[in-house]
């Protein structure tokens, strides 16, 4: 997957991978449709950081959830 290109497909891919890695329990809480290409770079930074780490503390997971919430479409 070429994530250098801003696209809906890439947004969907990154969101799904973030959800998998964080083991999001409420899968409906984070949907690709909640995000648009306007926030692509910020979303990509979160995606890359999540992929680099093996595990997350509860406070890190909370911070990531809050950050994703801030990136959602208004």
N, C-alpha and C. Protein backbone atom coordinates (compact mmCIF):
# COMPACT_ATOMS: atom_id res chain seq x y z
N UNK A 1 0.85 -1.17 0.00
CA UNK A 1 0.00 0.00 0.00
C UNK A 1 0.89 1.24 0.00
N UNK A 2 0.66 2.15 -0.90
CA UNK A 2 1.44 3.39 -1.02
C UNK A 2 0.74 4.48 -0.22
N UNK A 3 1.23 4.71 0.99
CA UNK A 3 0.59 5.69 1.87
C UNK A 3 1.05 7.12 1.62
N UNK A 4 1.91 7.32 0.63
CA UNK A 4 2.33 8.68 0.30
C UNK A 4 1.22 9.41 -0.44
N UNK A 5 0.26 8.67 -0.94
CA UNK A 5 -0.86 9.22 -1.71
C UNK A 5 -2.08 9.41 -0.83
N UNK A 6 -2.61 10.63 -0.81
CA UNK A 6 -3.83 10.90 -0.04
C UNK A 6 -5.02 10.32 -0.78
N UNK A 7 -5.68 9.36 -0.14
CA UNK A 7 -6.86 8.78 -0.76
C UNK A 7 -7.77 8.21 0.31
N UNK A 8 -9.02 8.04 -0.04
CA UNK A 8 -9.99 7.45 0.87
C UNK A 8 -9.58 6.03 1.22
N UNK A 9 -9.09 5.29 0.23
CA UNK A 9 -8.65 3.91 0.46
C UNK A 9 -7.52 3.86 1.48
N UNK A 10 -6.59 4.79 1.40
CA UNK A 10 -5.48 4.82 2.35
C UNK A 10 -5.96 5.18 3.75
N UNK A 11 -6.91 6.11 3.84
CA UNK A 11 -7.49 6.46 5.15
C UNK A 11 -8.14 5.21 5.75
N UNK A 12 -8.91 4.51 4.96
CA UNK A 12 -9.57 3.29 5.43
C UNK A 12 -8.55 2.26 5.90
N UNK A 13 -7.50 2.07 5.11
CA UNK A 13 -6.46 1.11 5.46
C UNK A 13 -5.82 1.46 6.79
N UNK A 14 -5.42 2.71 6.96
CA UNK A 14 -4.74 3.13 8.19
C UNK A 14 -5.65 2.99 9.41
N UNK A 15 -6.90 3.38 9.29
CA UNK A 15 -7.84 3.27 10.40
C UNK A 15 -8.01 1.80 10.80
N UNK A 16 -8.18 0.93 9.83
CA UNK A 16 -8.35 -0.49 10.13
C UNK A 16 -7.11 -1.06 10.83
N UNK A 17 -5.93 -0.67 10.37
CA UNK A 17 -4.69 -1.17 10.99
C UNK A 17 -4.52 -0.62 12.40
N UNK A 18 -4.89 0.63 12.62
CA UNK A 18 -4.82 1.22 13.96
C UNK A 18 -5.76 0.46 14.89
N UNK A 19 -6.97 0.19 14.42
CA UNK A 19 -7.94 -0.54 15.23
C UNK A 19 -7.43 -1.94 15.58
N UNK A 20 -6.84 -2.61 14.61
CA UNK A 20 -6.29 -3.95 14.86
C UNK A 20 -5.19 -3.91 15.91
N UNK A 21 -4.28 -2.98 15.75
CA UNK A 21 -3.13 -2.90 16.65
C UNK A 21 -3.55 -2.51 18.06
N UNK A 22 -4.51 -1.61 18.19
CA UNK A 22 -4.95 -1.17 19.51
C UNK A 22 -5.99 -2.11 20.10
N UNK A 23 -6.46 -3.04 19.30
CA UNK A 23 -7.50 -3.97 19.73
C UNK A 23 -8.71 -3.21 20.26
N UNK A 24 -9.19 -2.30 19.44
CA UNK A 24 -10.33 -1.47 19.81
C UNK A 24 -11.54 -2.37 20.07
N UNK A 25 -12.12 -2.23 21.25
CA UNK A 25 -13.27 -3.07 21.61
C UNK A 25 -14.55 -2.58 20.95
N UNK A 26 -14.75 -1.28 20.94
CA UNK A 26 -15.94 -0.73 20.32
C UNK A 26 -15.60 -0.36 18.88
N UNK A 27 -15.72 -1.33 17.99
CA UNK A 27 -15.30 -1.14 16.60
C UNK A 27 -16.09 -0.05 15.89
N UNK A 28 -17.30 0.21 16.35
CA UNK A 28 -18.11 1.25 15.74
C UNK A 28 -17.65 2.65 16.12
N UNK A 29 -16.83 2.75 17.15
CA UNK A 29 -16.38 4.06 17.62
C UNK A 29 -15.40 4.71 16.65
N UNK A 30 -14.66 3.90 15.93
CA UNK A 30 -13.68 4.43 14.97
C UNK A 30 -14.00 3.83 13.61
N UNK A 31 -14.52 4.66 12.74
CA UNK A 31 -14.85 4.21 11.39
C UNK A 31 -14.09 5.07 10.39
N UNK A 32 -13.66 4.47 9.29
CA UNK A 32 -12.98 5.26 8.26
C UNK A 32 -13.81 6.44 7.77
N UNK A 33 -15.12 6.30 7.78
CA UNK A 33 -15.98 7.39 7.30
C UNK A 33 -15.96 8.60 8.22
N UNK A 34 -15.43 8.45 9.42
CA UNK A 34 -15.33 9.56 10.37
C UNK A 34 -14.17 10.50 10.03
N UNK A 35 -13.35 10.10 9.09
CA UNK A 35 -12.14 10.86 8.77
C UNK A 35 -12.14 11.23 7.29
N UNK A 36 -11.48 12.34 6.97
CA UNK A 36 -11.36 12.70 5.57
C UNK A 36 -9.89 12.98 5.24
N UNK A 37 -9.65 13.24 3.99
CA UNK A 37 -8.28 13.43 3.52
C UNK A 37 -7.65 14.71 4.05
N UNK A 38 -8.46 15.62 4.59
CA UNK A 38 -7.94 16.86 5.14
C UNK A 38 -6.96 16.61 6.29
N UNK A 39 -7.22 15.58 7.06
CA UNK A 39 -6.39 15.25 8.21
C UNK A 39 -5.44 14.10 7.91
N UNK A 40 -5.15 13.88 6.65
CA UNK A 40 -4.37 12.72 6.22
C UNK A 40 -3.00 12.65 6.89
N UNK A 41 -2.26 13.74 6.89
CA UNK A 41 -0.90 13.72 7.43
C UNK A 41 -0.90 13.40 8.92
N UNK A 42 -1.83 13.98 9.67
CA UNK A 42 -1.92 13.71 11.10
C UNK A 42 -2.28 12.25 11.35
N UNK A 43 -3.22 11.74 10.56
CA UNK A 43 -3.62 10.34 10.68
C UNK A 43 -2.46 9.41 10.34
N UNK A 44 -1.70 9.78 9.33
CA UNK A 44 -0.55 8.96 8.92
C UNK A 44 0.50 8.93 10.03
N UNK A 45 0.72 10.05 10.72
CA UNK A 45 1.67 10.09 11.82
C UNK A 45 1.24 9.15 12.95
N UNK A 46 -0.05 9.17 13.27
CA UNK A 46 -0.57 8.28 14.30
C UNK A 46 -0.40 6.83 13.87
N UNK A 47 -0.76 6.55 12.63
CA UNK A 47 -0.62 5.19 12.08
C UNK A 47 0.82 4.70 12.20
N UNK A 48 1.78 5.51 11.79
CA UNK A 48 3.19 5.11 11.81
C UNK A 48 3.67 4.87 13.24
N UNK A 49 3.25 5.72 14.17
CA UNK A 49 3.64 5.56 15.56
C UNK A 49 3.04 4.28 16.14
N UNK A 50 1.78 4.02 15.85
CA UNK A 50 1.11 2.82 16.34
C UNK A 50 1.80 1.56 15.79
N UNK A 51 2.18 1.58 14.54
CA UNK A 51 2.81 0.41 13.93
C UNK A 51 4.20 0.14 14.50
N UNK A 52 4.89 1.18 14.98
CA UNK A 52 6.24 1.01 15.52
C UNK A 52 6.25 0.36 16.90
N UNK A 53 5.19 0.58 17.68
CA UNK A 53 5.16 0.10 19.07
C UNK A 53 4.57 -1.30 19.16
N UNK A 54 5.11 -2.08 20.08
CA UNK A 54 4.61 -3.45 20.27
C UNK A 54 3.39 -3.48 21.19
N UNK A 55 3.36 -2.57 22.17
CA UNK A 55 2.24 -2.54 23.10
C UNK A 55 2.03 -1.12 23.60
N UNK A 56 0.88 -0.92 24.23
CA UNK A 56 0.50 0.41 24.69
C UNK A 56 -0.03 0.35 26.11
N UNK A 57 0.34 1.33 26.91
CA UNK A 57 -0.21 1.42 28.26
C UNK A 57 -1.64 1.95 28.16
N UNK A 58 -2.44 1.78 29.19
CA UNK A 58 -3.80 2.33 29.16
C UNK A 58 -3.82 3.84 28.91
N UNK A 59 -2.88 4.57 29.48
CA UNK A 59 -2.86 6.02 29.27
C UNK A 59 -2.48 6.37 27.83
N UNK A 60 -1.60 5.58 27.22
CA UNK A 60 -1.26 5.80 25.81
C UNK A 60 -2.46 5.52 24.92
N UNK A 61 -3.19 4.46 25.24
CA UNK A 61 -4.38 4.13 24.44
C UNK A 61 -5.42 5.24 24.56
N UNK A 62 -5.57 5.79 25.77
CA UNK A 62 -6.51 6.88 25.99
C UNK A 62 -6.10 8.10 25.18
N UNK A 63 -4.80 8.41 25.20
CA UNK A 63 -4.29 9.57 24.45
C UNK A 63 -4.51 9.38 22.95
N UNK A 64 -4.28 8.17 22.45
CA UNK A 64 -4.49 7.90 21.03
C UNK A 64 -5.97 8.02 20.67
N UNK A 65 -6.83 7.51 21.52
CA UNK A 65 -8.27 7.62 21.27
C UNK A 65 -8.70 9.08 21.23
N UNK A 66 -8.17 9.88 22.14
CA UNK A 66 -8.50 11.30 22.17
C UNK A 66 -8.00 11.99 20.91
N UNK A 67 -6.79 11.66 20.50
CA UNK A 67 -6.23 12.28 19.29
C UNK A 67 -7.03 11.90 18.06
N UNK A 68 -7.42 10.64 17.95
CA UNK A 68 -8.27 10.22 16.83
C UNK A 68 -9.60 10.96 16.88
N UNK A 69 -10.13 11.14 18.08
CA UNK A 69 -11.37 11.90 18.23
C UNK A 69 -11.23 13.33 17.75
N UNK A 70 -10.07 13.93 18.01
CA UNK A 70 -9.83 15.31 17.56
C UNK A 70 -9.75 15.40 16.03
N UNK A 71 -9.37 14.32 15.37
CA UNK A 71 -9.20 14.32 13.92
C UNK A 71 -10.51 14.02 13.18
N UNK A 72 -11.53 13.59 13.90
CA UNK A 72 -12.79 13.23 13.26
C UNK A 72 -13.42 14.45 12.59
N UNK A 73 -14.18 14.15 11.54
CA UNK A 73 -14.91 15.20 10.84
C UNK A 73 -15.84 15.90 11.83
N UNK A 74 -15.97 17.18 11.68
CA UNK A 74 -16.86 17.96 12.56
C UNK A 74 -18.27 17.93 12.04
